[in-house]
Amino acid sequence: MTAAIILGHGSRAPQAIAEVYDLARQVKEAGIYDPVEVAFMARSKPSLAESIDKAVTQGARRIVVVPLFLTEGIHVTQDIPEILAAVKKQHRNVEILYAAKLGPDKRIAEILLDRIAEAIGA
């Protein structure tokens, strides 16, 4: 079983957290990965390690961590890899993969163009 973990930054704003959960719900509804969990780097729970533990408890033998980040910041390049290295030592029988960040990606640029058009009423 392959699980997906949608990894957001975290926020004190409840709506920001709700949006990450909504994205995870949409991924789950695609019916490709199960379970689909949410995790956060800061200010919110569950942590990445907690969500990986939960997926393993649910029977996942492969876990793909998907960072909901656009750029090559410190979380993407250092913090997340360090957490994953530690968690992999605890779950040696589970394949834990780290997906690429979101951008820059032509599909993101297309969404930006849509948002610009919406803002100007085009």
PDB file of N, CA and C in Angstrom:
ATOM      1  N   MET A   1       0.845  -1.172   0.000  1.00  0.00           N
ATOM      2  CA  MET A   1       0.000   0.000   0.000  1.00  0.00           C
ATOM      3  C   MET A   1       0.891   1.235   0.000  1.00  0.00           C
ATOM      4  N   THR A   2       0.566   2.204  -0.873  1.00  0.00           N
ATOM      5  CA  THR A   2       1.301   3.453  -0.958  1.00  0.00           C
ATOM      6  C   THR A   2       0.483   4.585  -0.360  1.00  0.00           C
ATOM      7  N   ALA A   3       1.078   5.246   0.603  1.00  0.00           N
ATOM      8  CA  ALA A   3       0.437   6.391   1.248  1.00  0.00           C
ATOM      9  C   ALA A   3       1.047   7.673   0.705  1.00  0.00           C
ATOM     10  N   ALA A   4       0.275   8.745   0.785  1.00  0.00           N
ATOM     11  CA  ALA A   4       0.773  10.077   0.441  1.00  0.00           C
ATOM     12  C   ALA A   4       0.605  10.969   1.659  1.00  0.00           C
ATOM     13  N   ILE A   5       1.611  11.780   1.900  1.00  0.00           N
ATOM     14  CA  ILE A   5       1.531  12.767   2.973  1.00  0.00           C
ATOM     15  C   ILE A   5       1.715  14.139   2.352  1.00  0.00           C
ATOM     16  N   ILE A   6       0.690  14.957   2.483  1.00  0.00           N
ATOM     17  CA  ILE A   6       0.731  16.321   1.986  1.00  0.00           C
ATOM     18  C   ILE A   6       1.301  17.186   3.105  1.00  0.00           C
ATOM     19  N   LEU A   7       2.468  17.755   2.868  1.00  0.00           N
ATOM     20  CA  LEU A   7       3.218  18.454   3.904  1.00  0.00           C
ATOM     21  C   LEU A   7       3.163  19.963   3.694  1.00  0.00           C
ATOM     22  N   GLY A   8       2.424  20.632   4.574  1.00  0.00           N
ATOM     23  CA  GLY A   8       2.332  22.081   4.528  1.00  0.00           C
ATOM     24  C   GLY A   8       3.259  22.731   5.531  1.00  0.00           C
ATOM     25  N   HIS A   9       3.332  24.038   5.470  1.00  0.00           N
ATOM     26  CA  HIS A   9       4.184  24.767   6.410  1.00  0.00           C
ATOM     27  C   HIS A   9       3.581  24.789   7.799  1.00  0.00           C
ATOM     28  N   GLY A  10       2.274  25.033   7.885  1.00  0.00           N
ATOM     29  CA  GLY A  10       1.615  25.228   9.168  1.00  0.00           C
ATOM     30  C   GLY A  10       1.314  26.705   9.354  1.00  0.00           C
ATOM     31  N   SER A  11       0.321  26.986  10.169  1.00  0.00           N
ATOM     32  CA  SER A  11      -0.115  28.371  10.344  1.00  0.00           C
ATOM     33  C   SER A  11      -0.953  28.489  11.599  1.00  0.00           C
ATOM     34  N   ARG A  12      -1.046  29.712  12.104  1.00  0.00           N
ATOM     35  CA  ARG A  12      -1.979  29.981  13.202  1.00  0.00           C
ATOM     36  C   ARG A  12      -3.377  30.244  12.661  1.00  0.00           C
ATOM     37  N   ALA A  13      -3.494  30.442  11.354  1.00  0.00           N
ATOM     38  CA  ALA A  13      -4.782  30.732  10.725  1.00  0.00           C
ATOM     39  C   ALA A  13      -5.520  29.435  10.412  1.00  0.00           C
ATOM     40  N   PRO A  14      -6.675  29.214  11.036  1.00  0.00           N
ATOM     41  CA  PRO A  14      -7.416  27.968  10.800  1.00  0.00           C
ATOM     42  C   PRO A  14      -7.741  27.720   9.335  1.00  0.00           C
ATOM     43  N   GLN A  15      -8.047  28.776   8.576  1.00  0.00           N
ATOM     44  CA  GLN A  15      -8.384  28.593   7.165  1.00  0.00           C
ATOM     45  C   GLN A  15      -7.198  28.044   6.376  1.00  0.00           C
ATOM     46  N   ALA A  16      -5.991  28.463   6.725  1.00  0.00           N
ATOM     47  CA  ALA A  16      -4.798  27.960   6.034  1.00  0.00           C
ATOM     48  C   ALA A  16      -4.647  26.454   6.256  1.00  0.00           C
ATOM     49  N   ILE A  17      -4.905  26.013   7.475  1.00  0.00           N
ATOM     50  CA  ILE A  17      -4.825  24.589   7.793  1.00  0.00           C
ATOM     51  C   ILE A  17      -5.931  23.835   7.045  1.00  0.00           C
ATOM     52  N   ALA A  18      -7.124  24.403   7.047  1.00  0.00           N
ATOM     53  CA  ALA A  18      -8.259  23.769   6.368  1.00  0.00           C
ATOM     54  C   ALA A  18      -7.977  23.579   4.880  1.00  0.00           C
ATOM     55  N   GLU A  19      -7.283  24.525   4.266  1.00  0.00           N
ATOM     56  CA  GLU A  19      -6.986  24.412   2.842  1.00  0.00           C
ATOM     57  C   GLU A  19      -6.034  23.258   2.548  1.00  0.00           C
ATOM     58  N   VAL A  20      -5.094  23.003   3.427  1.00  0.00           N
ATOM     59  CA  VAL A  20      -4.192  21.863   3.246  1.00  0.00           C
ATOM     60  C   VAL A  20      -4.992  20.566   3.355  1.00  0.00           C
ATOM     61  N   TYR A  21      -5.880  20.500   4.334  1.00  0.00           N
ATOM     62  CA  TYR A  21      -6.736  19.313   4.463  1.00  0.00           C
ATOM     63  C   TYR A  21      -7.628  19.138   3.236  1.00  0.00           C
ATOM     64  N   ASP A  22      -8.107  20.243   2.669  1.00  0.00           N
ATOM     65  CA  ASP A  22      -8.940  20.154   1.478  1.00  0.00           C
ATOM     66  C   ASP A  22      -8.143  19.592   0.301  1.00  0.00           C
ATOM     67  N   LEU A  23      -6.902  20.039   0.132  1.00  0.00           N
ATOM     68  CA  LEU A  23      -6.061  19.473  -0.926  1.00  0.00           C
ATOM     69  C   LEU A  23      -5.836  17.978  -0.713  1.00  0.00           C
ATOM     70  N   ALA A  24      -5.582  17.593   0.520  1.00  0.00           N
ATOM     71  CA  ALA A  24      -5.382  16.169   0.818  1.00  0.00           C
ATOM     72  C   ALA A  24      -6.643  15.375   0.509  1.00  0.00           C
ATOM     73  N   ARG A  25      -7.799  15.932   0.811  1.00  0.00           N
ATOM     74  CA  ARG A  25      -9.058  15.256   0.494  1.00  0.00           C
ATOM     75  C   ARG A  25      -9.186  15.047  -1.008  1.00  0.00           C
ATOM     76  N   GLN A  26      -8.826  16.060  -1.783  1.00  0.00           N
ATOM     77  CA  GLN A  26      -8.908  15.945  -3.231  1.00  0.00           C
ATOM     78  C   GLN A  26      -7.964  14.869  -3.765  1.00  0.00           C
ATOM     79  N   VAL A  27      -6.768  14.790  -3.188  1.00  0.00           N
ATOM     80  CA  VAL A  27      -5.826  13.732  -3.579  1.00  0.00           C
ATOM     81  C   VAL A  27      -6.406  12.366  -3.237  1.00  0.00           C
ATOM     82  N   LYS A  28      -6.974  12.249  -2.046  1.00  0.00           N
ATOM     83  CA  LYS A  28      -7.546  10.968  -1.636  1.00  0.00           C
ATOM     84  C   LYS A  28      -8.705  10.561  -2.536  1.00  0.00           C
ATOM     85  N   GLU A  29      -9.539  11.526  -2.920  1.00  0.00           N
ATOM     86  CA  GLU A  29     -10.695  11.227  -3.769  1.00  0.00           C
ATOM     87  C   GLU A  29     -10.291  10.727  -5.149  1.00  0.00           C
ATOM     88  N   ALA A  30      -9.062  10.997  -5.563  1.00  0.00           N
ATOM     89  CA  ALA A  30      -8.583  10.465  -6.840  1.00  0.00           C
ATOM     90  C   ALA A  30      -8.503   8.939  -6.791  1.00  0.00           C
ATOM     91  N   GLY A  31      -8.438   8.378  -5.576  1.00  0.00           N
ATOM     92  CA  GLY A  31      -8.478   6.933  -5.410  1.00  0.00           C
ATOM     93  C   GLY A  31      -7.193   6.206  -5.759  1.00  0.00           C
ATOM     94  N   ILE A  32      -6.091   6.917  -5.832  1.00  0.00           N
ATOM     95  CA  ILE A  32      -4.822   6.285  -6.213  1.00  0.00           C
ATOM     96  C   ILE A  32      -4.004   5.899  -4.983  1.00  0.00           C
ATOM     97  N   TYR A  33      -4.002   6.754  -3.972  1.00  0.00           N
ATOM     98  CA  TYR A  33      -3.199   6.529  -2.779  1.00  0.00           C
ATOM     99  C   TYR A  33      -4.093   6.439  -1.562  1.00  0.00           C
ATOM    100  N   ASP A  34      -3.720   5.538  -0.661  1.00  0.00           N
ATOM    101  CA  ASP A  34      -4.484   5.352   0.563  1.00  0.00           C
ATOM    102  C   ASP A  34      -3.557   4.726   1.590  1.00  0.00           C
ATOM    103  N   PRO A  35      -3.394   5.361   2.700  1.00  0.00           N
ATOM    104  CA  PRO A  35      -4.054   6.579   3.140  1.00  0.00           C
ATOM    105  C   PRO A  35      -3.402   7.831   2.556  1.00  0.00           C
ATOM    106  N   VAL A  36      -4.103   8.939   2.689  1.00  0.00           N
ATOM    107  CA  VAL A  36      -3.565  10.263   2.388  1.00  0.00           C
ATOM    108  C   VAL A  36      -3.637  11.043   3.691  1.00  0.00           C
ATOM    109  N   GLU A  37      -2.485  11.464   4.161  1.00  0.00           N
ATOM    110  CA  GLU A  37      -2.390  12.173   5.430  1.00  0.00           C
ATOM    111  C   GLU A  37      -1.889  13.596   5.204  1.00  0.00           C
ATOM    112  N   VAL A  38      -2.047  14.412   6.217  1.00  0.00           N
ATOM    113  CA  VAL A  38      -1.563  15.783   6.222  1.00  0.00           C
ATOM    114  C   VAL A  38      -0.521  15.890   7.325  1.00  0.00           C
ATOM    115  N   ALA A  39       0.499  16.735   7.091  1.00  0.00           N
ATOM    116  CA  ALA A  39       1.499  17.026   8.121  1.00  0.00           C
ATOM    117  C   ALA A  39       1.928  18.480   7.948  1.00  0.00           C
ATOM    118  N   PHE A  40       2.527  19.002   9.010  1.00  0.00           N
ATOM    119  CA  PHE A  40       2.960  20.395   8.991  1.00  0.00           C
ATOM    120  C   PHE A  40       4.362  20.510   9.575  1.00  0.00           C
ATOM    121  N   MET A  41       5.089  21.512   9.090  1.00  0.00           N
ATOM    122  CA  MET A  41       6.448  21.751   9.564  1.00  0.00           C
ATOM    123  C   MET A  41       6.472  22.580  10.850  1.00  0.00           C
ATOM    124  N   ALA A  42       5.523  23.500  11.015  1.00  0.00           N
ATOM    125  CA  ALA A  42       5.563  24.404  12.164  1.00  0.00           C
ATOM    126  C   ALA A  42       4.164  24.893  12.497  1.00  0.00           C
ATOM    127  N   ARG A  43       3.950  25.234  13.744  1.00  0.00           N
ATOM    128  CA  ARG A  43       2.744  25.898  14.245  1.00  0.00           C
ATOM    129  C   ARG A  43       1.474  25.051  14.178  1.00  0.00           C
ATOM    130  N   SER A  44       1.541  23.891  13.619  1.00  0.00           N
ATOM    131  CA  SER A  44       0.339  23.064  13.465  1.00  0.00           C
ATOM    132  C   SER A  44       0.712  21.604  13.656  1.00  0.00           C
ATOM    133  N   LYS A  45      -0.256  20.831  13.965  1.00  0.00           N
ATOM    134  CA  LYS A  45      -0.096  19.387  14.135  1.00  0.00           C
ATOM    135  C   LYS A  45      -1.003  18.684  13.137  1.00  0.00           C
ATOM    136  N   PRO A  46      -0.664  17.506  12.719  1.00  0.00           N
ATOM    137  CA  PRO A  46       0.433  16.641  13.160  1.00  0.00           C
ATOM    138  C   PRO A  46       1.752  16.995  12.473  1.00  0.00           C
ATOM    139  N   SER A  47       2.822  16.557  13.112  1.00  0.00           N
ATOM    140  CA  SER A  47       4.154  16.736  12.539  1.00  0.00           C
ATOM    141  C   SER A  47       4.358  15.704  11.426  1.00  0.00           C
ATOM    142  N   LEU A  48       5.412  15.877  10.658  1.00  0.00           N
ATOM    143  CA  LEU A  48       5.729  14.922   9.602  1.00  0.00           C
ATOM    144  C   LEU A  48       5.982  13.532  10.180  1.00  0.00           C
ATOM    145  N   ALA A  49       6.754  13.461  11.249  1.00  0.00           N
ATOM    146  CA  ALA A  49       7.040  12.159  11.871  1.00  0.00           C
ATOM    147  C   ALA A  49       5.753  11.494  12.361  1.00  0.00           C
ATOM    148  N   GLU A  50       4.856  12.271  12.955  1.00  0.00           N
ATOM    149  CA  GLU A  50       3.591  11.712  13.445  1.00  0.00           C
ATOM    150  C   GLU A  50       2.743  11.161  12.292  1.00  0.00           C
ATOM    151  N   SER A  51       2.701  11.882  11.182  1.00  0.00           N
ATOM    152  CA  SER A  51       1.897  11.418  10.048  1.00  0.00           C
ATOM    153  C   SER A  51       2.499  10.187   9.395  1.00  0.00           C
ATOM    154  N   ILE A  52       3.820  10.116   9.350  1.00  0.00           N
ATOM    155  CA  ILE A  52       4.462   8.898   8.824  1.00  0.00           C
ATOM    156  C   ILE A  52       4.145   7.723   9.726  1.00  0.00           C
ATOM    157  N   ASP A  53       4.262   7.905  11.036  1.00  0.00           N
ATOM    158  CA  ASP A  53       3.918   6.835  11.978  1.00  0.00           C
ATOM    159  C   ASP A  53       2.482   6.370  11.769  1.00  0.00           C
ATOM    160  N   LYS A  54       1.568   7.317  11.568  1.00  0.00           N
ATOM    161  CA  LYS A  54       0.159   6.968  11.370  1.00  0.00           C
ATOM    162  C   LYS A  54      -0.026   6.162  10.096  1.00  0.00           C
ATOM    163  N   ALA A  55       0.626   6.566   9.018  1.00  0.00           N
ATOM    164  CA  ALA A  55       0.504   5.833   7.754  1.00  0.00           C
ATOM    165  C   ALA A  55       1.052   4.411   7.889  1.00  0.00           C
ATOM    166  N   VAL A  56       2.162   4.264   8.586  1.00  0.00           N
ATOM    167  CA  VAL A  56       2.732   2.933   8.810  1.00  0.00           C
ATOM    168  C   VAL A  56       1.763   2.084   9.622  1.00  0.00           C
ATOM    169  N   THR A  57       1.158   2.661  10.644  1.00  0.00           N
ATOM    170  CA  THR A  57       0.174   1.946  11.466  1.00  0.00           C
ATOM    171  C   THR A  57      -1.009   1.473  10.630  1.00  0.00           C
ATOM    172  N   GLN A  58      -1.349   2.253   9.599  1.00  0.00           N
ATOM    173  CA  GLN A  58      -2.462   1.896   8.721  1.00  0.00           C
ATOM    174  C   GLN A  58      -2.059   0.887   7.645  1.00  0.00           C
ATOM    175  N   GLY A  59      -0.801   0.465   7.648  1.00  0.00           N
ATOM    176  CA  GLY A  59      -0.368  -0.579   6.731  1.00  0.00           C
ATOM    177  C   GLY A  59       0.445  -0.120   5.540  1.00  0.00           C
ATOM    178  N   ALA A  60       0.806   1.139   5.470  1.00  0.00           N
ATOM    179  CA  ALA A  60       1.591   1.626   4.337  1.00  0.00           C
ATOM    180  C   ALA A  60       2.985   1.001   4.341  1.00  0.00           C
ATOM    181  N   ARG A  61       3.428   0.564   3.183  1.00  0.00           N
ATOM    182  CA  ARG A  61       4.776   0.037   3.032  1.00  0.00           C
ATOM    183  C   ARG A  61       5.614   0.937   2.140  1.00  0.00           C
ATOM    184  N   ARG A  62       4.957   1.909   1.517  1.00  0.00           N
ATOM    185  CA  ARG A  62       5.618   2.967   0.757  1.00  0.00           C
ATOM    186  C   ARG A  62       4.894   4.262   1.098  1.00  0.00           C
ATOM    187  N   ILE A  63       5.665   5.295   1.384  1.00  0.00           N
ATOM    188  CA  ILE A  63       5.090   6.596   1.728  1.00  0.00           C
ATOM    189  C   ILE A  63       5.772   7.653   0.872  1.00  0.00           C
ATOM    190  N   VAL A  64       4.963   8.473   0.221  1.00  0.00           N
ATOM    191  CA  VAL A  64       5.484   9.583  -0.567  1.00  0.00           C
ATOM    192  C   VAL A  64       5.132  10.873   0.162  1.00  0.00           C
ATOM    193  N   VAL A  65       6.154  11.619   0.543  1.00  0.00           N
ATOM    194  CA  VAL A  65       5.978  12.903   1.217  1.00  0.00           C
ATOM    195  C   VAL A  65       6.022  13.988   0.143  1.00  0.00           C
ATOM    196  N   VAL A  66       4.940  14.762   0.048  1.00  0.00           N
ATOM    197  CA  VAL A  66       4.815  15.788  -0.978  1.00  0.00           C
ATOM    198  C   VAL A  66       4.843  17.162  -0.304  1.00  0.00           C
ATOM    199  N   PRO A  67       5.931  17.916  -0.475  1.00  0.00           N
ATOM    200  CA  PRO A  67       6.004  19.230   0.151  1.00  0.00           C
ATOM    201  C   PRO A  67       5.134  20.240  -0.593  1.00  0.00           C
ATOM    202  N   LEU A  68       4.282  20.892   0.133  1.00  0.00           N
ATOM    203  CA  LEU A  68       3.398  21.908  -0.427  1.00  0.00           C
ATOM    204  C   LEU A  68       4.127  23.260  -0.360  1.00  0.00           C
ATOM    205  N   PHE A  69       5.281  23.292  -1.022  1.00  0.00           N
ATOM    206  CA  PHE A  69       6.152  24.465  -1.029  1.00  0.00           C
ATOM    207  C   PHE A  69       6.501  24.801  -2.471  1.00  0.00           C
ATOM    208  N   LEU A  70       6.652  26.088  -2.748  1.00  0.00           N
ATOM    209  CA  LEU A  70       6.953  26.523  -4.106  1.00  0.00           C
ATOM    210  C   LEU A  70       8.447  26.670  -4.385  1.00  0.00           C
ATOM    211  N   THR A  71       9.241  26.946  -3.368  1.00  0.00           N
ATOM    212  CA  THR A  71      10.646  27.304  -3.588  1.00  0.00           C
ATOM    213  C   THR A  71      11.607  26.423  -2.801  1.00  0.00           C
ATOM    214  N   GLU A  72      12.886  26.554  -3.120  1.00  0.00           N
ATOM    215  CA  GLU A  72      13.961  25.781  -2.493  1.00  0.00           C
ATOM    216  C   GLU A  72      14.405  26.425  -1.178  1.00  0.00           C
ATOM    217  N   GLY A  73      13.490  26.590  -0.254  1.00  0.00           N
ATOM    218  CA  GLY A  73      13.839  27.173   1.035  1.00  0.00           C
ATOM    219  C   GLY A  73      14.483  26.151   1.963  1.00  0.00           C
ATOM    220  N   ILE A  74      14.762  26.594   3.167  1.00  0.00           N
ATOM    221  CA  ILE A  74      15.439  25.751   4.161  1.00  0.00           C
ATOM    222  C   ILE A  74      14.620  24.516   4.520  1.00  0.00           C
ATOM    223  N   HIS A  75      13.297  24.661   4.624  1.00  0.00           N
ATOM    224  CA  HIS A  75      12.483  23.471   4.927  1.00  0.00           C
ATOM    225  C   HIS A  75      12.682  22.406   3.851  1.00  0.00           C
ATOM    226  N   VAL A  76      12.635  22.822   2.591  1.00  0.00           N
ATOM    227  CA  VAL A  76      12.727  21.872   1.476  1.00  0.00           C
ATOM    228  C   VAL A  76      14.111  21.248   1.367  1.00  0.00           C
ATOM    229  N   THR A  77      15.145  22.051   1.554  1.00  0.00           N
ATOM    230  CA  THR A  77      16.502  21.557   1.317  1.00  0.00           C
ATOM    231  C   THR A  77      17.183  20.940   2.537  1.00  0.00           C
ATOM    232  N   GLN A  78      16.765  21.345   3.740  1.00  0.00           N
ATOM    233  CA  GLN A  78      17.456  20.846   4.933  1.00  0.00           C
ATOM    234  C   GLN A  78      16.530  20.190   5.943  1.00  0.00           C
ATOM    235  N   ASP A  79      15.503  20.924   6.383  1.00  0.00           N
ATOM    236  CA  ASP A  79      14.675  20.438   7.487  1.00  0.00           C
ATOM    237  C   ASP A  79      13.959  19.135   7.158  1.00  0.00           C
ATOM    238  N   ILE A  80      13.292  19.097   6.029  1.00  0.00           N
ATOM    239  CA  ILE A  80      12.529  17.892   5.660  1.00  0.00           C
ATOM    240  C   ILE A  80      13.465  16.705   5.447  1.00  0.00           C
ATOM    241  N   PRO A  81      14.554  16.843   4.673  1.00  0.00           N
ATOM    242  CA  PRO A  81      15.470  15.700   4.543  1.00  0.00           C
ATOM    243  C   PRO A  81      16.016  15.191   5.877  1.00  0.00           C
ATOM    244  N   GLU A  82      16.283  16.097   6.818  1.00  0.00           N
ATOM    245  CA  GLU A  82      16.769  15.661   8.137  1.00  0.00           C
ATOM    246  C   GLU A  82      15.708  14.861   8.884  1.00  0.00           C
ATOM    247  N   ILE A  83      14.472  15.325   8.841  1.00  0.00           N
ATOM    248  CA  ILE A  83      13.383  14.593   9.497  1.00  0.00           C
ATOM    249  C   ILE A  83      13.217  13.220   8.852  1.00  0.00           C
ATOM    250  N   LEU A  84      13.242  13.185   7.534  1.00  0.00           N
ATOM    251  CA  LEU A  84      13.060  11.913   6.831  1.00  0.00           C
ATOM    252  C   LEU A  84      14.193  10.934   7.138  1.00  0.00           C
ATOM    253  N   ALA A  85      15.413  11.417   7.241  1.00  0.00           N
ATOM    254  CA  ALA A  85      16.543  10.541   7.580  1.00  0.00           C
ATOM    255  C   ALA A  85      16.337   9.897   8.942  1.00  0.00           C
ATOM    256  N   ALA A  86      15.861  10.672   9.908  1.00  0.00           N
ATOM    257  CA  ALA A  86      15.613  10.132  11.249  1.00  0.00           C
ATOM    258  C   ALA A  86      14.461   9.138  11.243  1.00  0.00           C
ATOM    259  N   VAL A  87      13.394   9.457  10.534  1.00  0.00           N
ATOM    260  CA  VAL A  87      12.215   8.583  10.501  1.00  0.00           C
ATOM    261  C   VAL A  87      12.523   7.272   9.769  1.00  0.00           C
ATOM    262  N   LYS A  88      13.346   7.342   8.741  1.00  0.00           N
ATOM    263  CA  LYS A  88      13.709   6.128   7.992  1.00  0.00           C
ATOM    264  C   LYS A  88      14.430   5.123   8.885  1.00  0.00           C
ATOM    265  N   LYS A  89      15.171   5.606   9.869  1.00  0.00           N
ATOM    266  CA  LYS A  89      15.849   4.712  10.809  1.00  0.00           C
ATOM    267  C   LYS A  89      14.853   3.971  11.690  1.00  0.00           C
ATOM    268  N   GLN A  90      13.704   4.588  11.961  1.00  0.00           N
ATOM    269  CA  GLN A  90      12.673   3.962  12.786  1.00  0.00           C
ATOM    270  C   GLN A  90      11.805   2.997  11.991  1.00  0.00           C
ATOM    271  N   HIS A  91      11.703   3.236  10.688  1.00  0.00           N
ATOM    272  CA  HIS A  91      10.825   2.424   9.836  1.00  0.00           C
ATOM    273  C   HIS A  91      11.640   1.846   8.681  1.00  0.00           C
ATOM    274  N   ARG A  92      12.584   0.984   9.004  1.00  0.00           N
ATOM    275  CA  ARG A  92      13.495   0.425   8.004  1.00  0.00           C
ATOM    276  C   ARG A  92      12.786  -0.452   6.968  1.00  0.00           C
ATOM    277  N   ASN A  93      11.632  -0.979   7.306  1.00  0.00           N
ATOM    278  CA  ASN A  93      10.900  -1.852   6.376  1.00  0.00           C
ATOM    279  C   ASN A  93       9.907  -1.080   5.509  1.00  0.00           C
ATOM    280  N   VAL A  94       9.939   0.248   5.574  1.00  0.00           N
ATOM    281  CA  VAL A  94       9.023   1.092   4.810  1.00  0.00           C
ATOM    282  C   VAL A  94       9.846   1.973   3.872  1.00  0.00           C
ATOM    283  N   GLU A  95       9.440   2.013   2.609  1.00  0.00           N
ATOM    284  CA  GLU A  95      10.087   2.903   1.643  1.00  0.00           C
ATOM    285  C   GLU A  95       9.481   4.296   1.804  1.00  0.00           C
ATOM    286  N   ILE A  96      10.320   5.270   2.106  1.00  0.00           N
ATOM    287  CA  ILE A  96       9.848   6.642   2.294  1.00  0.00           C
ATOM    288  C   ILE A  96      10.507   7.498   1.222  1.00  0.00           C
ATOM    289  N   LEU A  97       9.663   8.068   0.362  1.00  0.00           N
ATOM    290  CA  LEU A  97      10.131   8.858  -0.770  1.00  0.00           C
ATOM    291  C   LEU A  97       9.788  10.327  -0.568  1.00  0.00           C
ATOM    292  N   TYR A  98      10.620  11.189  -1.112  1.00  0.00           N
ATOM    293  CA  TYR A  98      10.451  12.626  -0.968  1.00  0.00           C
ATOM    294  C   TYR A  98      10.208  13.203  -2.359  1.00  0.00           C
ATOM    295  N   ALA A  99       8.984  13.655  -2.610  1.00  0.00           N
ATOM    296  CA  ALA A  99       8.622  14.220  -3.905  1.00  0.00           C
ATOM    297  C   ALA A  99       9.201  15.625  -4.056  1.00  0.00           C
ATOM    298  N   ALA A 100       9.246  16.092  -5.283  1.00  0.00           N
ATOM    299  CA  ALA A 100       9.754  17.435  -5.571  1.00  0.00           C
ATOM    300  C   ALA A 100       8.777  18.494  -5.079  1.00  0.00           C
ATOM    301  N   LYS A 101       9.309  19.673  -4.806  1.00  0.00           N
ATOM    302  CA  LYS A 101       8.476  20.829  -4.460  1.00  0.00           C
ATOM    303  C   LYS A 101       7.586  21.165  -5.664  1.00  0.00           C
ATOM    304  N   LEU A 102       6.656  22.083  -5.488  1.00  0.00           N
ATOM    305  CA  LEU A 102       5.673  22.383  -6.536  1.00  0.00           C
ATOM    306  C   LEU A 102       6.184  23.257  -7.669  1.00  0.00           C
ATOM    307  N   GLY A 103       7.019  24.227  -7.390  1.00  0.00           N
ATOM    308  CA  GLY A 103       7.304  25.164  -8.464  1.00  0.00           C
ATOM    309  C   GLY A 103       8.773  25.414  -8.632  1.00  0.00           C
ATOM    310  N   PRO A 104       9.192  26.081  -9.673  1.00  0.00           N
ATOM    311  CA  PRO A 104       8.349  26.593 -10.744  1.00  0.00           C
ATOM    312  C   PRO A 104       7.913  25.462 -11.673  1.00  0.00           C
ATOM    313  N   ASP A 105       6.689  25.533 -12.061  1.00  0.00           N
ATOM    314  CA  ASP A 105       6.096  24.503 -12.904  1.00  0.00           C
ATOM    315  C   ASP A 105       5.109  25.206 -13.829  1.00  0.00           C
ATOM    316  N   LYS A 106       5.091  24.806 -15.064  1.00  0.00           N
ATOM    317  CA  LYS A 106       4.204  25.451 -16.039  1.00  0.00           C
ATOM    318  C   LYS A 106       2.750  25.429 -15.565  1.00  0.00           C
ATOM    319  N   ARG A 107       2.360  24.354 -14.864  1.00  0.00           N
ATOM    320  CA  ARG A 107       0.978  24.269 -14.378  1.00  0.00           C
ATOM    321  C   ARG A 107       0.698  25.311 -13.304  1.00  0.00           C
ATOM    322  N   ILE A 108       1.699  25.634 -12.489  1.00  0.00           N
ATOM    323  CA  ILE A 108       1.550  26.695 -11.492  1.00  0.00           C
ATOM    324  C   ILE A 108       1.418  28.040 -12.210  1.00  0.00           C
ATOM    325  N   ALA A 109       2.226  28.249 -13.239  1.00  0.00           N
ATOM    326  CA  ALA A 109       2.146  29.499 -14.002  1.00  0.00           C
ATOM    327  C   ALA A 109       0.761  29.654 -14.631  1.00  0.00           C
ATOM    328  N   GLU A 110       0.175  28.560 -15.087  1.00  0.00           N
ATOM    329  CA  GLU A 110      -1.176  28.624 -15.661  1.00  0.00           C
ATOM    330  C   GLU A 110      -2.202  29.050 -14.613  1.00  0.00           C
ATOM    331  N   ILE A 111      -2.053  28.569 -13.401  1.00  0.00           N
ATOM    332  CA  ILE A 111      -2.949  28.992 -12.320  1.00  0.00           C
ATOM    333  C   ILE A 111      -2.743  30.481 -12.032  1.00  0.00           C
ATOM    334  N   LEU A 112      -1.502  30.930 -12.014  1.00  0.00           N
ATOM    335  CA  LEU A 112      -1.228  32.350 -11.798  1.00  0.00           C
ATOM    336  C   LEU A 112      -1.894  33.202 -12.876  1.00  0.00           C
ATOM    337  N   LEU A 113      -1.808  32.780 -14.116  1.00  0.00           N
ATOM    338  CA  LEU A 113      -2.460  33.513 -15.200  1.00  0.00           C
ATOM    339  C   LEU A 113      -3.972  33.557 -14.997  1.00  0.00           C
ATOM    340  N   ASP A 114      -4.560  32.444 -14.543  1.00  0.00           N
ATOM    341  CA  ASP A 114      -5.996  32.427 -14.241  1.00  0.00           C
ATOM    342  C   ASP A 114      -6.335  33.434 -13.145  1.00  0.00           C
ATOM    343  N   ARG A 115      -5.527  33.479 -12.086  1.00  0.00           N
ATOM    344  CA  ARG A 115      -5.792  34.386 -10.974  1.00  0.00           C
ATOM    345  C   ARG A 115      -5.671  35.847 -11.398  1.00  0.00           C
ATOM    346  N   ILE A 116      -4.685  36.137 -12.262  1.00  0.00           N
ATOM    347  CA  ILE A 116      -4.531  37.495 -12.781  1.00  0.00           C
ATOM    348  C   ILE A 116      -5.773  37.888 -13.594  1.00  0.00           C
ATOM    349  N   ALA A 117      -6.218  36.988 -14.451  1.00  0.00           N
ATOM    350  CA  ALA A 117      -7.399  37.262 -15.279  1.00  0.00           C
ATOM    351  C   ALA A 117      -8.627  37.476 -14.402  1.00  0.00           C
ATOM    352  N   GLU A 118      -8.782  36.669 -13.348  1.00  0.00           N
ATOM    353  CA  GLU A 118      -9.905  36.840 -12.423  1.00  0.00           C
ATOM    354  C   GLU A 118      -9.860  38.201 -11.747  1.00  0.00           C
ATOM    355  N   ALA A 119      -8.661  38.623 -11.343  1.00  0.00           N
ATOM    356  CA  ALA A 119      -8.513  39.896 -10.629  1.00  0.00           C
ATOM    357  C   ALA A 119      -8.871  41.091 -11.496  1.00  0.00           C
ATOM    358  N   ILE A 120      -8.570  41.005 -12.774  1.00  0.00           N
ATOM    359  CA  ILE A 120      -8.866  42.138 -13.650  1.00  0.00           C
ATOM    360  C   ILE A 120     -10.209  41.983 -14.359  1.00  0.00           C
ATOM    361  N   GLY A 121     -10.894  40.893 -14.055  1.00  0.00           N
ATOM    362  CA  GLY A 121     -12.221  40.681 -14.617  1.00  0.00           C
ATOM    363  C   GLY A 121     -12.215  40.257 -16.066  1.00  0.00           C
ATOM    364  N   ALA A 122     -11.130  39.653 -16.497  1.00  0.00           N
ATOM    365  CA  ALA A 122     -11.041  39.219 -17.896  1.00  0.00           C
ATOM    366  C   ALA A 122     -11.684  37.857 -18.096  1.00  0.00           C
TER     367      ALA A 122
END
